[in-house]
Amino acid sequence: MKPVILGIDDLRPLPWATQIARTSDEGVKLLQAHRDTFIDELWLDHDLGGDDSVLPVVTLMEEAAFNGRPFRIGTVFVHSANPIGAETVVRSLTRWNYRVRRTTA
């Protein structure tokens, strides 16, 4: 079976991703569409253009974990040119026991 690799990034092509969302709204919908699927990799960029960021997606993941139903994700890769934003995402998701790695894309 082909791995499920999701990306949420406004600019990068992420050619290895099976699906990409370009805004936080699209990212929330993409994650919700895969609610009952094992996601092999989730690639997150912090800044999504203008005032948009990945934080609504992070909040969705935190709430799922808080409610005892975390998303089933192999590894979350955080790639961002914004070091403070990236660290916020890593810290938030690590706190809820998601496997998170800071990387470059």
C-alpha atoms as a PDB file:
ATOM      1  CA  MET A   1       0.000   0.000   0.000  1.00  0.00           C
ATOM      2  CA  LYS A   2       1.276   3.463  -0.892  1.00  0.00           C
ATOM      3  CA  PRO A   3       2.319   5.568   2.129  1.00  0.00           C
ATOM      4  CA  VAL A   4       0.149   8.532   3.077  1.00  0.00           C
ATOM      5  CA  ILE A   5       2.322  11.645   3.147  1.00  0.00           C
ATOM      6  CA  LEU A   6       0.554  14.942   3.757  1.00  0.00           C
ATOM      7  CA  GLY A   7       2.057  18.404   3.453  1.00  0.00           C
ATOM      8  CA  ILE A   8       0.833  21.769   4.667  1.00  0.00           C
ATOM      9  CA  ASP A   9       2.939  24.475   3.062  1.00  0.00           C
ATOM     10  CA  ASP A  10       2.052  27.591   1.076  1.00  0.00           C
ATOM     11  CA  LEU A  11       5.031  27.541  -1.307  1.00  0.00           C
ATOM     12  CA  ARG A  12       7.182  24.422  -1.361  1.00  0.00           C
ATOM     13  CA  PRO A  13       6.280  21.780  -3.963  1.00  0.00           C
ATOM     14  CA  LEU A  14       6.915  18.780  -1.608  1.00  0.00           C
ATOM     15  CA  PRO A  15       7.005  16.304  -4.536  1.00  0.00           C
ATOM     16  CA  TRP A  16       7.031  13.281  -2.209  1.00  0.00           C
ATOM     17  CA  ALA A  17       3.702  14.285  -0.611  1.00  0.00           C
ATOM     18  CA  THR A  18       0.566  12.457  -1.715  1.00  0.00           C
ATOM     19  CA  GLN A  19      -1.553  15.543  -0.909  1.00  0.00           C
ATOM     20  CA  ILE A  20      -0.716  19.174  -0.134  1.00  0.00           C
ATOM     21  CA  ALA A  21      -2.728  21.915   1.549  1.00  0.00           C
ATOM     22  CA  ARG A  22      -1.685  25.518   0.944  1.00  0.00           C
ATOM     23  CA  THR A  23      -3.626  27.270   3.764  1.00  0.00           C
ATOM     24  CA  SER A  24      -4.507  26.469   7.368  1.00  0.00           C
ATOM     25  CA  ASP A  25      -8.174  25.984   6.379  1.00  0.00           C
ATOM     26  CA  GLU A  26      -7.167  23.489   3.688  1.00  0.00           C
ATOM     27  CA  GLY A  27      -4.804  21.853   6.195  1.00  0.00           C
ATOM     28  CA  VAL A  28      -7.548  21.359   8.774  1.00  0.00           C
ATOM     29  CA  LYS A  29      -9.831  19.855   6.098  1.00  0.00           C
ATOM     30  CA  LEU A  30      -7.023  17.613   4.817  1.00  0.00           C
ATOM     31  CA  LEU A  31      -6.282  16.282   8.286  1.00  0.00           C
ATOM     32  CA  GLN A  32      -9.979  15.766   9.048  1.00  0.00           C
ATOM     33  CA  ALA A  33     -10.363  13.850   5.768  1.00  0.00           C
ATOM     34  CA  HIS A  34      -7.652  11.463   7.019  1.00  0.00           C
ATOM     35  CA  ARG A  35      -9.069  11.202  10.548  1.00  0.00           C
ATOM     36  CA  ASP A  36      -9.278   7.418  10.517  1.00  0.00           C
ATOM     37  CA  THR A  37      -6.233   6.802   8.304  1.00  0.00           C
ATOM     38  CA  PHE A  38      -2.681   6.138   9.383  1.00  0.00           C
ATOM     39  CA  ILE A  39      -0.609   9.065   8.115  1.00  0.00           C
ATOM     40  CA  ASP A  40       2.972   7.968   7.524  1.00  0.00           C
ATOM     41  CA  GLU A  41       4.366  11.501   7.392  1.00  0.00           C
ATOM     42  CA  LEU A  42       2.938  14.968   7.989  1.00  0.00           C
ATOM     43  CA  TRP A  43       5.056  17.906   6.788  1.00  0.00           C
ATOM     44  CA  LEU A  44       4.242  21.266   8.385  1.00  0.00           C
ATOM     45  CA  ASP A  45       5.432  24.756   7.512  1.00  0.00           C
ATOM     46  CA  HIS A  46       4.701  27.389  10.167  1.00  0.00           C
ATOM     47  CA  ASP A  47       4.119  30.461   7.980  1.00  0.00           C
ATOM     48  CA  LEU A  48       1.443  30.002   5.320  1.00  0.00           C
ATOM     49  CA  GLY A  49       1.415  33.451   3.732  1.00  0.00           C
ATOM     50  CA  GLY A  50       0.076  36.747   5.031  1.00  0.00           C
ATOM     51  CA  ASP A  51      -1.337  36.337   8.535  1.00  0.00           C
ATOM     52  CA  ASP A  52      -1.998  32.611   8.048  1.00  0.00           C
ATOM     53  CA  SER A  53      -0.026  29.987   9.961  1.00  0.00           C
ATOM     54  CA  VAL A  54      -0.199  26.271  10.657  1.00  0.00           C
ATOM     55  CA  LEU A  55      -1.407  26.878  14.241  1.00  0.00           C
ATOM     56  CA  PRO A  56      -5.087  25.963  13.528  1.00  0.00           C
ATOM     57  CA  VAL A  57      -3.826  22.548  12.348  1.00  0.00           C
ATOM     58  CA  VAL A  58      -1.669  22.216  15.479  1.00  0.00           C
ATOM     59  CA  THR A  59      -4.679  23.129  17.636  1.00  0.00           C
ATOM     60  CA  LEU A  60      -6.778  20.445  15.903  1.00  0.00           C
ATOM     61  CA  MET A  61      -4.066  17.871  16.627  1.00  0.00           C
ATOM     62  CA  GLU A  62      -3.740  19.005  20.265  1.00  0.00           C
ATOM     63  CA  GLU A  63      -7.502  18.831  20.813  1.00  0.00           C
ATOM     64  CA  ALA A  64      -7.626  15.330  19.302  1.00  0.00           C
ATOM     65  CA  ALA A  65      -4.902  14.177  21.702  1.00  0.00           C
ATOM     66  CA  PHE A  66      -6.575  15.923  24.654  1.00  0.00           C
ATOM     67  CA  ASN A  67      -9.798  14.056  23.828  1.00  0.00           C
ATOM     68  CA  GLY A  68      -7.951  10.720  23.818  1.00  0.00           C
ATOM     69  CA  ARG A  69      -8.054  10.268  20.036  1.00  0.00           C
ATOM     70  CA  PRO A  70      -4.788  11.639  18.667  1.00  0.00           C
ATOM     71  CA  PHE A  71      -4.232  11.481  14.946  1.00  0.00           C
ATOM     72  CA  ARG A  72      -2.259   8.384  14.002  1.00  0.00           C
ATOM     73  CA  ILE A  73       0.878   9.822  12.450  1.00  0.00           C
ATOM     74  CA  GLY A  74       4.238   8.119  12.025  1.00  0.00           C
ATOM     75  CA  THR A  75       6.340  11.298  12.060  1.00  0.00           C
ATOM     76  CA  VAL A  76       5.527  14.997  11.908  1.00  0.00           C
ATOM     77  CA  PHE A  77       8.256  16.951  10.122  1.00  0.00           C
ATOM     78  CA  VAL A  78       8.371  20.666  10.884  1.00  0.00           C
ATOM     79  CA  HIS A  79      10.161  22.648   8.188  1.00  0.00           C
ATOM     80  CA  SER A  80      10.033  26.408   8.439  1.00  0.00           C
ATOM     81  CA  ALA A  81      12.222  29.439   7.804  1.00  0.00           C
ATOM     82  CA  ASN A  82      10.687  30.850  11.008  1.00  0.00           C
ATOM     83  CA  PRO A  83      12.741  29.313  13.869  1.00  0.00           C
ATOM     84  CA  ILE A  84      10.476  30.622  16.652  1.00  0.00           C
ATOM     85  CA  GLY A  85       7.313  29.453  14.895  1.00  0.00           C
ATOM     86  CA  ALA A  86       8.848  26.062  14.142  1.00  0.00           C
ATOM     87  CA  GLU A  87       9.925  25.621  17.770  1.00  0.00           C
ATOM     88  CA  THR A  88       6.393  26.471  18.918  1.00  0.00           C
ATOM     89  CA  VAL A  89       4.962  23.738  16.692  1.00  0.00           C
ATOM     90  CA  VAL A  90       7.576  21.179  17.778  1.00  0.00           C
ATOM     91  CA  ARG A  91       7.044  21.942  21.470  1.00  0.00           C
ATOM     92  CA  SER A  92       3.232  21.901  21.210  1.00  0.00           C
ATOM     93  CA  LEU A  93       3.019  18.576  19.381  1.00  0.00           C
ATOM     94  CA  THR A  94       5.782  16.874  21.366  1.00  0.00           C
ATOM     95  CA  ARG A  95       3.875  17.734  24.538  1.00  0.00           C
ATOM     96  CA  TRP A  96       0.981  15.609  23.212  1.00  0.00           C
ATOM     97  CA  ASN A  97       3.276  12.676  22.355  1.00  0.00           C
ATOM     98  CA  TYR A  98       3.347  13.121  18.612  1.00  0.00           C
ATOM     99  CA  ARG A  99       6.686  12.071  17.117  1.00  0.00           C
ATOM    100  CA  VAL A 100       8.075  15.355  15.798  1.00  0.00           C
ATOM    101  CA  ARG A 101      11.307  16.212  14.003  1.00  0.00           C
ATOM    102  CA  ARG A 102      12.624  19.632  13.033  1.00  0.00           C
ATOM    103  CA  THR A 103      13.982  19.493   9.498  1.00  0.00           C
ATOM    104  CA  THR A 104      14.436  21.404   6.283  1.00  0.00           C
ATOM    105  CA  ALA A 105      12.443  20.852   3.108  1.00  0.00           C
END
